[in-house]
Amino acid sequence: MPQLDTSTWLTMILSMFLALFIIFQLKISKHNFYHNPELMMTKAPKQNTPWETKWTKIYLPLSLPL
């Protein structure tokens, strides 16, 4: 039975990692990233509801005096 020649494995593994690194770098470099993102201050418009201007009290049946 012949012996398995493992002398080229290190070069194959290193070249594979190098090729994968180059491929990922090329893929990442194609993306456009914002250089200076600015915060936008957004305010929700205040909606006036009829029950905000009135004083109301809710009486629960269990809280009524006997």
Protein backbone atom coordinates (compact mmCIF):
# COMPACT_ATOMS: atom_id res chain seq x y z
CA MET A 1 0.00 0.00 0.00
CA PRO A 2 1.55 3.35 -0.98
CA GLN A 3 2.23 6.05 1.58
CA LEU A 4 0.11 9.20 1.52
CA ASP A 5 2.22 12.17 0.47
CA THR A 6 1.36 15.05 2.81
CA SER A 7 4.24 17.33 1.88
CA THR A 8 2.04 19.62 -0.26
CA TRP A 9 -0.83 19.93 2.21
CA LEU A 10 0.58 22.98 3.96
CA THR A 11 0.96 24.89 0.70
CA MET A 12 -2.52 23.91 -0.42
CA ILE A 13 -4.11 24.99 2.87
CA LEU A 14 -2.21 28.28 2.97
CA SER A 15 -3.05 29.08 -0.65
CA MET A 16 -6.71 28.26 0.01
CA PHE A 17 -6.78 30.68 2.97
CA LEU A 18 -5.08 33.34 0.91
CA ALA A 19 -7.55 32.90 -1.96
CA LEU A 20 -10.53 33.03 0.41
CA PHE A 21 -9.17 36.15 2.07
CA ILE A 22 -8.74 37.88 -1.29
CA ILE A 23 -12.23 36.85 -2.44
CA PHE A 24 -13.86 38.17 0.75
CA GLN A 25 -11.88 41.41 0.55
CA LEU A 26 -13.08 41.93 -3.01
CA LYS A 27 -16.68 41.22 -2.01
CA ILE A 28 -16.56 43.61 0.94
CA SER A 29 -14.91 46.37 -1.09
CA LYS A 30 -17.87 46.46 -3.48
CA HIS A 31 -20.27 47.61 -0.73
CA ASN A 32 -20.98 51.31 -0.27
CA PHE A 33 -20.82 52.43 3.34
CA TYR A 34 -21.87 55.83 4.62
CA HIS A 35 -18.84 57.81 5.76
CA ASN A 36 -20.56 60.26 8.10
CA PRO A 37 -24.03 59.23 9.20
CA GLU A 38 -26.01 62.15 10.60
CA LEU A 39 -28.77 61.84 13.15
CA MET A 40 -32.15 63.08 12.07
CA MET A 41 -34.27 64.53 14.83
CA THR A 42 -37.80 63.35 14.23
CA LYS A 43 -40.71 64.58 16.32
CA ALA A 44 -44.09 62.98 16.21
CA PRO A 45 -46.84 65.56 15.82
CA LYS A 46 -48.89 66.05 18.95
CA GLN A 47 -52.44 64.85 18.49
CA ASN A 48 -55.01 66.54 20.66
CA THR A 49 -57.61 64.11 21.88
CA PRO A 50 -60.83 65.20 23.60
CA TRP A 51 -60.11 63.28 26.81
CA GLU A 52 -56.78 65.01 27.40
CA THR A 53 -58.41 68.38 28.08
CA LYS A 54 -61.00 67.03 30.54
CA TRP A 55 -60.55 65.79 34.07
CA THR A 56 -62.00 62.31 34.33
CA LYS A 57 -62.05 59.78 37.10
CA ILE A 58 -62.94 56.16 36.62
CA TYR A 59 -64.79 54.50 39.46
CA LEU A 60 -64.28 50.78 39.75
CA PRO A 61 -67.15 48.78 41.25
CA LEU A 62 -64.90 47.29 43.92
CA SER A 63 -63.59 50.67 45.06
CA LEU A 64 -67.02 52.14 45.85
CA PRO A 65 -67.87 52.57 49.55
CA LEU A 66 -70.52 50.26 51.02
